[in-house]
Amino acid sequence: MQRELFGGVSYDSASEVAARLRGVLERRATEAGAFPRGKRYLVLFSGLPGTGKSHFARSLVARVPMIVLESDHLRKSLIAQPAYTPDEHAMVFSAAHLLIEEFLQQGWRVLFEATNLTDNFRQPVYEIAERTASPITIVRFTAPPAVVRKRLEGRIARRDSQDNSDAGWTVYCKMRPYEQPIPRAHITVDSSVPTDWALEQIARRVTLATAPDQQVVLNDPYE
């Protein structure tokens, strides 16, 4: 019996979408120097729009090559003009979950970058880590609202070709009340201050294939 996927999406539908994304993700990863190393590892990002997830991800994979599943990139690879409906979210995330599990089983280091604000979004990823016996590092991103607003308003004015997100300040404000605490061991990174130390700490965990056993706050005076 096939397990239920995120949002009630059928396994066949999610598999079809995953097949459309697999080659693109593998090609991008190998071009960046990543390949299956037989030492699987999973890094899960969580954070509101504008808190620095994408920038940090680029810096992290420059230190430790990984295959990166970025929800906004996956969505736009499938849909030219996303509508951001619940059904669209379910399809993107269910396909991403299938690919994450597949890549981990193949021995890849995997980075999943998405808002992942609630346990409803994070729980399937925890279960994947358990099924594949993969160490997992969970990273929560934060920044003062004034900093986030400046970034998001600048995003609209200066479109970055590497930025796949359409979220602006209004979206941030709508999503902020729904962010839930992460009860599991995790690392909190405040991206409004230098993050080099956080990058090195997380890169070291990935390289050594170790997971944090307690909550760690890096560069976050606002907690």
N, C-alpha and C. Protein backbone atom coordinates (compact mmCIF):
# COMPACT_ATOMS: atom_id res chain seq x y z
N MET A 1 0.85 -1.20 0.00
CA MET A 1 0.00 0.00 0.00
C MET A 1 0.88 1.25 0.00
N GLN A 2 0.64 2.16 -0.93
CA GLN A 2 1.44 3.37 -1.02
C GLN A 2 1.05 4.35 0.09
N ARG A 3 2.08 4.97 0.72
CA ARG A 3 1.81 5.90 1.81
C ARG A 3 1.16 7.18 1.26
N GLU A 4 0.43 7.84 2.14
CA GLU A 4 -0.20 9.11 1.76
C GLU A 4 0.86 10.18 1.64
N LEU A 5 0.79 10.97 0.59
CA LEU A 5 1.76 12.03 0.37
C LEU A 5 1.21 13.37 0.86
N PHE A 6 2.08 14.35 0.90
CA PHE A 6 1.72 15.67 1.41
C PHE A 6 0.52 16.24 0.66
N GLY A 7 -0.46 16.76 1.42
CA GLY A 7 -1.62 17.39 0.82
C GLY A 7 -2.57 16.43 0.13
N GLY A 8 -2.39 15.12 0.37
CA GLY A 8 -3.29 14.15 -0.24
C GLY A 8 -3.03 13.88 -1.70
N VAL A 9 -1.88 14.33 -2.22
CA VAL A 9 -1.53 14.10 -3.63
C VAL A 9 -1.27 12.61 -3.85
N SER A 10 -1.73 12.08 -4.96
CA SER A 10 -1.50 10.67 -5.24
C SER A 10 -0.02 10.41 -5.54
N TYR A 11 0.41 9.21 -5.23
CA TYR A 11 1.81 8.84 -5.48
C TYR A 11 2.15 8.94 -6.96
N ASP A 12 1.24 8.49 -7.81
CA ASP A 12 1.49 8.52 -9.26
C ASP A 12 1.65 9.95 -9.77
N SER A 13 0.79 10.85 -9.28
CA SER A 13 0.87 12.25 -9.73
C SER A 13 2.17 12.89 -9.27
N ALA A 14 2.54 12.66 -8.01
CA ALA A 14 3.78 13.23 -7.49
C ALA A 14 4.99 12.65 -8.21
N SER A 15 4.94 11.37 -8.51
CA SER A 15 6.06 10.72 -9.21
C SER A 15 6.24 11.30 -10.60
N GLU A 16 5.12 11.58 -11.27
CA GLU A 16 5.20 12.17 -12.61
C GLU A 16 5.85 13.55 -12.57
N VAL A 17 5.49 14.34 -11.57
CA VAL A 17 6.08 15.67 -11.43
C VAL A 17 7.55 15.55 -11.05
N ALA A 18 7.87 14.64 -10.14
CA ALA A 18 9.26 14.45 -9.72
C ALA A 18 10.14 14.06 -10.91
N ALA A 19 9.61 13.26 -11.81
CA ALA A 19 10.38 12.84 -12.98
C ALA A 19 10.75 14.02 -13.86
N ARG A 20 9.88 15.03 -13.91
CA ARG A 20 10.15 16.21 -14.72
C ARG A 20 11.25 17.07 -14.10
N LEU A 21 11.45 16.94 -12.80
CA LEU A 21 12.42 17.79 -12.09
C LEU A 21 13.77 17.10 -11.87
N ARG A 22 13.78 15.79 -11.85
CA ARG A 22 14.96 15.03 -11.43
C ARG A 22 16.21 15.40 -12.23
N GLY A 23 16.11 15.37 -13.53
CA GLY A 23 17.27 15.62 -14.38
C GLY A 23 17.83 17.02 -14.21
N VAL A 24 16.94 18.00 -14.09
CA VAL A 24 17.38 19.39 -13.91
C VAL A 24 18.16 19.54 -12.62
N LEU A 25 17.65 18.94 -11.55
CA LEU A 25 18.30 19.06 -10.25
C LEU A 25 19.66 18.36 -10.24
N GLU A 26 19.73 17.17 -10.82
CA GLU A 26 21.00 16.44 -10.85
C GLU A 26 22.04 17.18 -11.69
N ARG A 27 21.60 17.75 -12.81
CA ARG A 27 22.52 18.48 -13.69
C ARG A 27 23.07 19.71 -12.98
N ARG A 28 22.20 20.48 -12.33
CA ARG A 28 22.65 21.67 -11.60
C ARG A 28 23.62 21.30 -10.49
N ALA A 29 23.34 20.20 -9.81
CA ALA A 29 24.19 19.79 -8.70
C ALA A 29 25.57 19.36 -9.18
N THR A 30 25.63 18.55 -10.23
CA THR A 30 26.93 18.08 -10.71
C THR A 30 27.74 19.22 -11.30
N GLU A 31 27.07 20.19 -11.93
CA GLU A 31 27.78 21.36 -12.45
C GLU A 31 28.41 22.17 -11.31
N ALA A 32 27.78 22.10 -10.13
CA ALA A 32 28.29 22.83 -8.96
C ALA A 32 29.29 22.00 -8.16
N GLY A 33 29.59 20.79 -8.65
CA GLY A 33 30.58 19.96 -7.97
C GLY A 33 30.03 18.97 -6.98
N ALA A 34 28.71 18.80 -6.95
CA ALA A 34 28.10 17.84 -6.02
C ALA A 34 27.87 16.52 -6.74
N PHE A 35 27.96 15.43 -6.00
CA PHE A 35 27.67 14.10 -6.53
C PHE A 35 27.42 13.18 -5.35
N PRO A 36 26.75 12.03 -5.58
CA PRO A 36 26.50 11.12 -4.45
C PRO A 36 27.81 10.64 -3.83
N ARG A 37 27.94 10.82 -2.53
CA ARG A 37 29.18 10.48 -1.84
C ARG A 37 29.04 9.26 -0.95
N GLY A 38 27.85 8.69 -0.89
CA GLY A 38 27.65 7.54 -0.03
C GLY A 38 27.54 7.91 1.44
N LYS A 39 27.55 9.20 1.73
CA LYS A 39 27.45 9.70 3.10
C LYS A 39 26.31 10.70 3.12
N ARG A 40 25.10 10.16 3.11
CA ARG A 40 23.91 11.00 2.98
C ARG A 40 23.77 11.98 4.13
N TYR A 41 23.16 13.13 3.81
CA TYR A 41 22.92 14.15 4.83
C TYR A 41 21.77 15.03 4.36
N LEU A 42 20.97 15.50 5.30
CA LEU A 42 19.83 16.34 4.97
C LEU A 42 19.88 17.64 5.78
N VAL A 43 19.78 18.75 5.06
CA VAL A 43 19.69 20.06 5.69
C VAL A 43 18.32 20.64 5.35
N LEU A 44 17.56 21.01 6.37
CA LEU A 44 16.22 21.56 6.20
C LEU A 44 16.20 23.01 6.64
N PHE A 45 15.83 23.90 5.72
CA PHE A 45 15.70 25.32 6.04
C PHE A 45 14.25 25.64 6.38
N SER A 46 14.09 26.60 7.30
CA SER A 46 12.78 27.10 7.68
C SER A 46 12.90 28.59 7.92
N GLY A 47 11.94 29.36 7.40
CA GLY A 47 11.99 30.80 7.64
C GLY A 47 11.08 31.57 6.72
N LEU A 48 10.66 32.71 7.19
CA LEU A 48 9.78 33.57 6.41
C LEU A 48 10.50 34.14 5.19
N PRO A 49 9.76 34.63 4.21
CA PRO A 49 10.40 35.30 3.07
C PRO A 49 11.27 36.46 3.55
N GLY A 50 12.40 36.64 2.89
CA GLY A 50 13.26 37.77 3.21
C GLY A 50 14.19 37.57 4.38
N THR A 51 14.21 36.38 4.97
CA THR A 51 15.08 36.15 6.13
C THR A 51 16.45 35.60 5.73
N GLY A 52 16.71 35.49 4.43
CA GLY A 52 18.07 35.16 3.99
C GLY A 52 18.34 33.72 3.64
N LYS A 53 17.31 32.91 3.44
CA LYS A 53 17.51 31.49 3.16
C LYS A 53 18.28 31.25 1.87
N SER A 54 17.86 31.90 0.79
CA SER A 54 18.48 31.64 -0.51
C SER A 54 19.93 32.09 -0.55
N HIS A 55 20.20 33.26 -0.02
CA HIS A 55 21.58 33.77 0.00
C HIS A 55 22.47 32.83 0.82
N PHE A 56 21.98 32.40 1.97
CA PHE A 56 22.74 31.50 2.83
C PHE A 56 22.95 30.16 2.13
N ALA A 57 21.93 29.68 1.42
CA ALA A 57 22.05 28.40 0.71
C ALA A 57 23.17 28.45 -0.32
N ARG A 58 23.24 29.54 -1.08
CA ARG A 58 24.30 29.67 -2.10
C ARG A 58 25.68 29.67 -1.45
N SER A 59 25.79 30.35 -0.31
CA SER A 59 27.08 30.39 0.38
C SER A 59 27.43 29.03 0.97
N LEU A 60 26.43 28.31 1.46
CA LEU A 60 26.68 27.01 2.07
C LEU A 60 27.14 25.98 1.04
N VAL A 61 26.45 25.92 -0.11
CA VAL A 61 26.82 24.91 -1.11
C VAL A 61 28.15 25.26 -1.79
N ALA A 62 28.56 26.53 -1.69
CA ALA A 62 29.90 26.88 -2.18
C ALA A 62 30.97 26.25 -1.30
N ARG A 63 30.63 26.04 -0.03
CA ARG A 63 31.56 25.41 0.90
C ARG A 63 31.43 23.89 0.87
N VAL A 64 30.21 23.41 0.83
CA VAL A 64 29.94 21.97 0.83
C VAL A 64 28.94 21.68 -0.29
N PRO A 65 29.39 21.19 -1.44
CA PRO A 65 28.47 20.93 -2.55
C PRO A 65 27.35 19.95 -2.15
N MET A 66 26.14 20.33 -2.49
CA MET A 66 24.96 19.50 -2.20
C MET A 66 23.99 19.62 -3.35
N ILE A 67 23.04 18.71 -3.41
CA ILE A 67 21.95 18.86 -4.34
C ILE A 67 20.89 19.70 -3.63
N VAL A 68 20.43 20.75 -4.27
CA VAL A 68 19.54 21.73 -3.64
C VAL A 68 18.15 21.65 -4.23
N LEU A 69 17.16 21.48 -3.37
CA LEU A 69 15.77 21.55 -3.77
C LEU A 69 15.19 22.82 -3.16
N GLU A 70 15.01 23.82 -3.98
CA GLU A 70 14.46 25.11 -3.56
C GLU A 70 13.01 25.15 -4.05
N SER A 71 12.07 25.30 -3.15
CA SER A 71 10.66 25.19 -3.53
C SER A 71 10.27 26.19 -4.61
N ASP A 72 10.77 27.42 -4.53
CA ASP A 72 10.41 28.42 -5.55
C ASP A 72 10.96 28.05 -6.92
N HIS A 73 12.18 27.51 -6.95
CA HIS A 73 12.76 27.07 -8.22
C HIS A 73 11.98 25.88 -8.79
N LEU A 74 11.63 24.93 -7.93
CA LEU A 74 10.86 23.77 -8.38
C LEU A 74 9.52 24.22 -8.97
N ARG A 75 8.87 25.12 -8.26
CA ARG A 75 7.55 25.60 -8.71
C ARG A 75 7.64 26.24 -10.09
N LYS A 76 8.64 27.11 -10.27
CA LYS A 76 8.75 27.82 -11.54
C LYS A 76 9.30 26.94 -12.66
N SER A 77 9.93 25.84 -12.30
CA SER A 77 10.35 24.86 -13.31
C SER A 77 9.14 24.12 -13.87
N LEU A 78 8.08 24.08 -13.07
CA LEU A 78 6.87 23.37 -13.47
C LEU A 78 5.80 24.29 -14.03
N ILE A 79 5.72 25.51 -13.48
CA ILE A 79 4.62 26.42 -13.79
C ILE A 79 5.18 27.79 -14.11
N ALA A 80 4.97 28.27 -15.30
CA ALA A 80 5.53 29.56 -15.71
C ALA A 80 4.97 30.71 -14.88
N GLN A 81 3.67 30.67 -14.60
CA GLN A 81 3.03 31.72 -13.81
C GLN A 81 2.33 31.07 -12.61
N PRO A 82 3.07 30.86 -11.53
CA PRO A 82 2.48 30.19 -10.36
C PRO A 82 1.30 30.96 -9.78
N ALA A 83 0.33 30.20 -9.27
CA ALA A 83 -0.84 30.81 -8.64
C ALA A 83 -0.77 30.72 -7.13
N TYR A 84 0.13 29.90 -6.61
CA TYR A 84 0.34 29.72 -5.17
C TYR A 84 -0.94 29.27 -4.46
N THR A 85 -1.64 28.36 -5.10
CA THR A 85 -2.85 27.78 -4.50
C THR A 85 -2.47 26.61 -3.60
N PRO A 86 -3.37 26.19 -2.70
CA PRO A 86 -3.08 25.01 -1.87
C PRO A 86 -2.77 23.76 -2.70
N ASP A 87 -3.50 23.56 -3.80
CA ASP A 87 -3.23 22.39 -4.64
C ASP A 87 -1.84 22.47 -5.27
N GLU A 88 -1.46 23.67 -5.67
CA GLU A 88 -0.13 23.86 -6.26
C GLU A 88 0.95 23.58 -5.21
N HIS A 89 0.76 24.10 -4.00
CA HIS A 89 1.71 23.83 -2.92
C HIS A 89 1.84 22.33 -2.69
N ALA A 90 0.70 21.64 -2.63
CA ALA A 90 0.71 20.21 -2.35
C ALA A 90 1.49 19.44 -3.41
N MET A 91 1.30 19.80 -4.67
CA MET A 91 1.99 19.09 -5.75
C MET A 91 3.49 19.34 -5.69
N VAL A 92 3.89 20.61 -5.50
CA VAL A 92 5.31 20.93 -5.45
C VAL A 92 5.99 20.23 -4.28
N PHE A 93 5.38 20.28 -3.11
CA PHE A 93 6.01 19.70 -1.93
C PHE A 93 5.98 18.18 -1.94
N SER A 94 4.92 17.59 -2.44
CA SER A 94 4.88 16.11 -2.50
C SER A 94 5.95 15.59 -3.45
N ALA A 95 6.14 16.26 -4.58
CA ALA A 95 7.20 15.86 -5.52
C ALA A 95 8.57 16.08 -4.90
N ALA A 96 8.74 17.21 -4.21
CA ALA A 96 10.02 17.49 -3.54
C ALA A 96 10.34 16.42 -2.51
N HIS A 97 9.35 16.00 -1.75
CA HIS A 97 9.58 14.98 -0.73
C HIS A 97 10.02 13.66 -1.36
N LEU A 98 9.40 13.27 -2.47
CA LEU A 98 9.81 12.05 -3.15
C LEU A 98 11.27 12.14 -3.61
N LEU A 99 11.63 13.29 -4.16
CA LEU A 99 12.99 13.47 -4.66
C LEU A 99 14.00 13.51 -3.52
N ILE A 100 13.66 14.16 -2.43
CA ILE A 100 14.57 14.21 -1.28
C ILE A 100 14.88 12.80 -0.81
N GLU A 101 13.85 11.98 -0.68
CA GLU A 101 14.06 10.61 -0.21
C GLU A 101 14.90 9.81 -1.21
N GLU A 102 14.60 9.98 -2.48
CA GLU A 102 15.35 9.27 -3.52
C GLU A 102 16.83 9.67 -3.50
N PHE A 103 17.09 10.95 -3.44
CA PHE A 103 18.48 11.43 -3.46
C PHE A 103 19.24 10.96 -2.21
N LEU A 104 18.59 10.98 -1.06
CA LEU A 104 19.25 10.50 0.15
C LEU A 104 19.59 9.01 0.04
N GLN A 105 18.68 8.24 -0.49
CA GLN A 105 18.93 6.81 -0.65
C GLN A 105 20.11 6.55 -1.59
N GLN A 106 20.33 7.48 -2.51
CA GLN A 106 21.45 7.35 -3.45
C GLN A 106 22.78 7.85 -2.87
N GLY A 107 22.71 8.42 -1.65
CA GLY A 107 23.94 8.89 -1.00
C GLY A 107 24.26 10.35 -1.21
N TRP A 108 23.28 11.14 -1.64
CA TRP A 108 23.52 12.57 -1.84
C TRP A 108 23.45 13.32 -0.51
N ARG A 109 24.12 14.45 -0.47
CA ARG A 109 23.87 15.46 0.55
C ARG A 109 22.78 16.36 -0.02
N VAL A 110 21.71 16.56 0.73
CA VAL A 110 20.52 17.25 0.22
C VAL A 110 20.20 18.47 1.06
N LEU A 111 19.94 19.58 0.39
CA LEU A 111 19.47 20.80 1.06
C LEU A 111 18.07 21.11 0.55
N PHE A 112 17.11 21.19 1.48
CA PHE A 112 15.74 21.53 1.12
C PHE A 112 15.45 22.93 1.63
N GLU A 113 15.31 23.85 0.68
CA GLU A 113 15.08 25.26 1.01
C GLU A 113 13.64 25.64 0.70
N ALA A 114 12.88 25.93 1.75
CA ALA A 114 11.49 26.37 1.61
C ALA A 114 11.13 27.09 2.90
N THR A 115 9.97 27.70 2.95
CA THR A 115 9.59 28.38 4.19
C THR A 115 9.39 27.38 5.32
N ASN A 116 8.71 26.27 5.07
CA ASN A 116 8.55 25.20 6.07
C ASN A 116 8.21 25.78 7.45
N LEU A 117 7.19 26.62 7.50
CA LEU A 117 6.91 27.38 8.71
C LEU A 117 6.19 26.58 9.79
N THR A 118 5.51 25.50 9.41
CA THR A 118 4.71 24.76 10.37
C THR A 118 5.13 23.29 10.42
N ASP A 119 4.73 22.62 11.49
CA ASP A 119 5.05 21.20 11.61
C ASP A 119 4.37 20.39 10.51
N ASN A 120 3.25 20.87 9.99
CA ASN A 120 2.58 20.18 8.89
C ASN A 120 3.50 20.07 7.68
N PHE A 121 4.31 21.10 7.43
CA PHE A 121 5.25 21.08 6.32
C PHE A 121 6.54 20.35 6.69
N ARG A 122 6.96 20.45 7.95
CA ARG A 122 8.25 19.88 8.34
C ARG A 122 8.18 18.38 8.64
N GLN A 123 7.05 17.91 9.16
CA GLN A 123 6.96 16.52 9.59
C GLN A 123 7.29 15.51 8.49
N PRO A 124 6.81 15.68 7.26
CA PRO A 124 7.18 14.71 6.22
C PRO A 124 8.69 14.63 5.99
N VAL A 125 9.39 15.74 6.19
CA VAL A 125 10.84 15.75 6.00
C VAL A 125 11.52 15.01 7.15
N TYR A 126 11.02 15.19 8.37
CA TYR A 126 11.55 14.42 9.50
C TYR A 126 11.42 12.92 9.24
N GLU A 127 10.26 12.53 8.72
CA GLU A 127 10.00 11.12 8.48
C GLU A 127 10.92 10.56 7.39
N ILE A 128 11.22 11.39 6.40
CA ILE A 128 12.16 10.97 5.36
C ILE A 128 13.54 10.71 5.97
N ALA A 129 13.99 11.61 6.83
CA ALA A 129 15.29 11.44 7.48
C ALA A 129 15.32 10.14 8.28
N GLU A 130 14.21 9.83 8.96
CA GLU A 130 14.16 8.60 9.76
C GLU A 130 14.16 7.37 8.86
N ARG A 131 13.38 7.40 7.78
CA ARG A 131 13.31 6.22 6.90
C ARG A 131 14.63 5.93 6.21
N THR A 132 15.38 6.99 5.91
CA THR A 132 16.65 6.82 5.19
C THR A 132 17.86 6.79 6.13
N ALA A 133 17.59 6.86 7.43
CA ALA A 133 18.67 6.89 8.43
C ALA A 133 19.68 8.00 8.12
N SER A 134 19.14 9.17 7.79
CA SER A 134 19.99 10.31 7.42
C SER A 134 20.10 11.30 8.58
N PRO A 135 21.31 11.73 8.92
CA PRO A 135 21.44 12.84 9.88
C PRO A 135 20.76 14.07 9.29
N ILE A 136 20.15 14.86 10.14
CA ILE A 136 19.45 16.06 9.66
C ILE A 136 19.84 17.26 10.52
N THR A 137 20.11 18.37 9.86
CA THR A 137 20.29 19.65 10.54
C THR A 137 19.16 20.57 10.09
N ILE A 138 18.44 21.09 11.05
CA ILE A 138 17.33 22.01 10.79
C ILE A 138 17.83 23.42 11.09
N VAL A 139 17.63 24.32 10.15
CA VAL A 139 18.11 25.69 10.31
C VAL A 139 16.93 26.64 10.18
N ARG A 140 16.70 27.40 11.23
CA ARG A 140 15.63 28.41 11.22
C ARG A 140 16.26 29.77 10.98
N PHE A 141 15.70 30.51 10.02
CA PHE A 141 16.23 31.83 9.68
C PHE A 141 15.31 32.92 10.23
N THR A 142 15.95 33.98 10.69
CA THR A 142 15.22 35.11 11.22
C THR A 142 15.96 36.39 10.88
N ALA A 143 15.25 37.50 10.98
CA ALA A 143 15.83 38.84 10.81
C ALA A 143 14.80 39.84 11.31
N PRO A 144 15.23 40.99 11.81
CA PRO A 144 14.27 41.99 12.27
C PRO A 144 13.34 42.40 11.13
N PRO A 145 12.06 42.63 11.42
CA PRO A 145 11.11 43.00 10.37
C PRO A 145 11.55 44.17 9.51
N ALA A 146 12.18 45.18 10.10
CA ALA A 146 12.61 46.34 9.32
C ALA A 146 13.63 45.93 8.26
N VAL A 147 14.51 45.00 8.60
CA VAL A 147 15.51 44.51 7.65
C VAL A 147 14.83 43.71 6.55
N VAL A 148 13.89 42.87 6.95
CA VAL A 148 13.17 42.06 5.97
C VAL A 148 12.40 42.94 4.99
N ARG A 149 11.74 43.96 5.51
CA ARG A 149 10.96 44.84 4.63
C ARG A 149 11.87 45.51 3.59
N LYS A 150 13.01 45.99 4.04
CA LYS A 150 13.94 46.65 3.11
C LYS A 150 14.39 45.67 2.03
N ARG A 151 14.68 44.43 2.43
CA ARG A 151 15.11 43.42 1.46
C ARG A 151 14.01 43.12 0.44
N LEU A 152 12.80 42.93 0.93
CA LEU A 152 11.72 42.53 0.05
C LEU A 152 11.32 43.66 -0.90
N GLU A 153 11.36 44.88 -0.41
CA GLU A 153 11.07 46.01 -1.29
C GLU A 153 12.18 46.18 -2.32
N GLY A 154 13.41 45.90 -1.92
CA GLY A 154 14.53 45.96 -2.86
C GLY A 154 14.47 44.84 -3.88
N ARG A 155 13.90 43.68 -3.48
CA ARG A 155 13.75 42.55 -4.40
C ARG A 155 12.92 42.94 -5.61
N ILE A 156 11.88 43.71 -5.38
CA ILE A 156 11.00 44.12 -6.47
C ILE A 156 11.73 45.12 -7.38
N ALA A 157 12.49 46.01 -6.78
CA ALA A 157 13.18 47.05 -7.55
C ALA A 157 14.38 46.51 -8.32
N ARG A 158 15.08 45.55 -7.71
CA ARG A 158 16.30 45.02 -8.32
C ARG A 158 16.17 43.50 -8.42
N ARG A 159 15.56 43.04 -9.48
CA ARG A 159 15.32 41.61 -9.62
C ARG A 159 16.62 40.85 -9.84
N ASP A 160 16.89 39.88 -8.94
CA ASP A 160 18.09 39.06 -9.01
C ASP A 160 17.76 37.80 -9.81
N SER A 161 18.59 37.50 -10.81
CA SER A 161 18.33 36.33 -11.65
C SER A 161 18.40 35.04 -10.84
N GLN A 162 19.08 35.07 -9.68
CA GLN A 162 19.17 33.88 -8.84
C GLN A 162 18.04 33.81 -7.83
N ASP A 163 17.19 34.81 -7.79
CA ASP A 163 16.10 34.86 -6.82
C ASP A 163 14.82 34.38 -7.49
N ASN A 164 14.30 33.25 -7.04
CA ASN A 164 13.09 32.67 -7.65
C ASN A 164 11.81 33.03 -6.90
N SER A 165 11.95 33.74 -5.79
CA SER A 165 10.78 34.05 -4.97
C SER A 165 10.02 35.27 -5.50
N ASP A 166 8.70 35.20 -5.42
CA ASP A 166 7.83 36.34 -5.77
C ASP A 166 7.31 37.04 -4.52
N ALA A 167 7.68 36.56 -3.35
CA ALA A 167 7.11 37.08 -2.10
C ALA A 167 7.60 38.49 -1.82
N GLY A 168 6.66 39.36 -1.46
CA GLY A 168 6.97 40.72 -1.06
C GLY A 168 6.58 40.94 0.39
N TRP A 169 6.60 42.20 0.80
CA TRP A 169 6.30 42.54 2.19
C TRP A 169 4.90 42.11 2.60
N THR A 170 3.94 42.27 1.71
CA THR A 170 2.56 41.89 2.03
C THR A 170 2.46 40.39 2.31
N VAL A 171 3.14 39.59 1.51
CA VAL A 171 3.14 38.14 1.72
C VAL A 171 3.80 37.80 3.06
N TYR A 172 4.91 38.45 3.36
CA TYR A 172 5.59 38.25 4.64
C TYR A 172 4.62 38.51 5.80
N CYS A 173 3.92 39.63 5.74
CA CYS A 173 3.00 40.00 6.82
C CYS A 173 1.87 38.98 6.96
N LYS A 174 1.41 38.44 5.84
CA LYS A 174 0.34 37.43 5.90
C LYS A 174 0.83 36.11 6.47
N MET A 175 2.07 35.76 6.19
CA MET A 175 2.60 34.47 6.62
C MET A 175 3.12 34.49 8.05
N ARG A 176 3.56 35.64 8.52
CA ARG A 176 4.24 35.72 9.82
C ARG A 176 3.43 35.15 10.98
N PRO A 177 2.11 35.40 11.06
CA PRO A 177 1.36 34.85 12.20
C PRO A 177 1.29 33.33 12.23
N TYR A 178 1.58 32.69 11.10
CA TYR A 178 1.45 31.23 11.02
C TYR A 178 2.75 30.49 11.33
N GLU A 179 3.84 31.22 11.53
CA GLU A 179 5.10 30.55 11.82
C GLU A 179 5.04 29.88 13.20
N GLN A 180 5.37 28.61 13.22
CA GLN A 180 5.34 27.84 14.47
C GLN A 180 6.75 27.58 14.98
N PRO A 181 6.93 27.53 16.30
CA PRO A 181 8.24 27.18 16.86
C PRO A 181 8.66 25.78 16.38
N ILE A 182 9.96 25.54 16.34
CA ILE A 182 10.48 24.23 15.96
C ILE A 182 10.86 23.50 17.25
N PRO A 183 10.10 22.48 17.64
CA PRO A 183 10.38 21.81 18.92
C PRO A 183 11.62 20.92 18.89
N ARG A 184 12.08 20.57 17.71
CA ARG A 184 13.26 19.71 17.60
C ARG A 184 14.55 20.53 17.71
N ALA A 185 15.64 19.84 17.95
CA ALA A 185 16.95 20.49 17.96
C ALA A 185 17.16 21.18 16.62
N HIS A 186 17.60 22.43 16.68
CA HIS A 186 17.80 23.19 15.44
C HIS A 186 18.79 24.33 15.68
N ILE A 187 19.20 24.93 14.60
CA ILE A 187 20.10 26.07 14.63
C ILE A 187 19.32 27.29 14.17
N THR A 188 19.40 28.37 14.90
CA THR A 188 18.75 29.62 14.51
C THR A 188 19.80 30.59 14.01
N VAL A 189 19.59 31.14 12.84
CA VAL A 189 20.54 32.07 12.23
C VAL A 189 19.85 33.41 11.98
N ASP A 190 20.40 34.46 12.54
CA ASP A 190 19.93 35.82 12.25
C ASP A 190 20.75 36.35 11.08
N SER A 191 20.11 36.50 9.95
CA SER A 191 20.83 36.89 8.73
C SER A 191 21.08 38.38 8.62
N SER A 192 20.66 39.15 9.65
CA SER A 192 20.89 40.59 9.59
C SER A 192 22.30 40.96 10.05
N VAL A 193 23.04 39.98 10.56
CA VAL A 193 24.42 40.19 10.99
C VAL A 193 25.28 39.15 10.28
N PRO A 194 26.61 39.31 10.30
CA PRO A 194 27.47 38.36 9.58
C PRO A 194 27.19 36.91 9.96
N THR A 195 27.16 36.05 8.96
CA THR A 195 26.79 34.65 9.17
C THR A 195 27.93 33.68 8.88
N ASP A 196 29.15 34.18 8.74
CA ASP A 196 30.27 33.30 8.40
C ASP A 196 30.44 32.17 9.40
N TRP A 197 30.31 32.49 10.69
CA TRP A 197 30.48 31.46 11.70
C TRP A 197 29.39 30.39 11.56
N ALA A 198 28.17 30.83 11.33
CA ALA A 198 27.07 29.87 11.16
C ALA A 198 27.33 28.99 9.95
N LEU A 199 27.78 29.58 8.86
CA LEU A 199 28.08 28.81 7.66
C LEU A 199 29.12 27.74 7.94
N GLU A 200 30.18 28.11 8.64
CA GLU A 200 31.24 27.15 8.92
C GLU A 200 30.76 26.03 9.84
N GLN A 201 29.95 26.39 10.83
CA GLN A 201 29.44 25.37 11.75
C GLN A 201 28.55 24.36 11.02
N ILE A 202 27.66 24.86 10.17
CA ILE A 202 26.75 23.96 9.45
C ILE A 202 27.51 23.15 8.40
N ALA A 203 28.44 23.80 7.71
CA ALA A 203 29.25 23.08 6.73
C ALA A 203 30.03 21.95 7.41
N ARG A 204 30.51 22.20 8.59
CA ARG A 204 31.25 21.18 9.32
C ARG A 204 30.34 20.00 9.68
N ARG A 205 29.13 20.30 10.12
CA ARG A 205 28.19 19.23 10.43
C ARG A 205 27.93 18.35 9.21
N VAL A 206 27.72 19.00 8.06
CA VAL A 206 27.44 18.25 6.85
C VAL A 206 28.65 17.40 6.45
N THR A 207 29.82 17.99 6.50
CA THR A 207 31.04 17.28 6.11
C THR A 207 31.28 16.07 6.99
N LEU A 208 31.04 16.22 8.30
CA LEU A 208 31.27 15.13 9.24
C LEU A 208 30.06 14.23 9.41
N ALA A 209 28.94 14.63 8.77
CA ALA A 209 27.69 13.85 8.85
C ALA A 209 27.22 13.71 10.29
N THR A 210 27.19 14.83 10.99
CA THR A 210 26.68 14.84 12.37
C THR A 210 25.51 15.80 12.44
N ALA A 211 24.62 15.54 13.38
CA ALA A 211 23.44 16.39 13.57
C ALA A 211 23.50 17.03 14.95
N PRO A 212 22.94 18.24 15.11
CA PRO A 212 22.95 18.88 16.41
C PRO A 212 22.05 18.13 17.39
N ASP A 213 22.47 18.02 18.63
CA ASP A 213 21.65 17.32 19.63
C ASP A 213 20.94 18.29 20.57
N GLN A 214 21.06 19.58 20.27
CA GLN A 214 20.35 20.57 21.06
C GLN A 214 20.15 21.82 20.22
N GLN A 215 19.27 22.69 20.71
CA GLN A 215 19.04 23.94 19.98
C GLN A 215 20.26 24.84 20.10
N VAL A 216 20.66 25.41 18.98
CA VAL A 216 21.81 26.30 18.93
C VAL A 216 21.38 27.60 18.27
N VAL A 217 21.74 28.73 18.88
CA VAL A 217 21.42 30.02 18.29
C VAL A 217 22.71 30.65 17.80
N LEU A 218 22.77 30.95 16.51
CA LEU A 218 23.97 31.55 15.92
C LEU A 218 23.63 32.94 15.41
N ASN A 219 24.35 33.94 15.89
CA ASN A 219 24.18 35.30 15.39
C ASN A 219 22.76 35.81 15.55
N ASP A 220 22.12 35.53 16.66
CA ASP A 220 20.72 35.93 16.81
C ASP A 220 20.47 36.64 18.12
N PRO A 221 20.76 37.93 18.22
CA PRO A 221 20.53 38.66 19.46
C PRO A 221 19.07 38.98 19.72
N TYR A 222 18.19 38.63 18.75
CA TYR A 222 16.78 39.00 18.89
C TYR A 222 15.94 37.91 19.52
N GLU A 223 16.55 36.72 19.76
CA GLU A 223 15.80 35.61 20.36
C GLU A 223 15.48 35.92 21.82
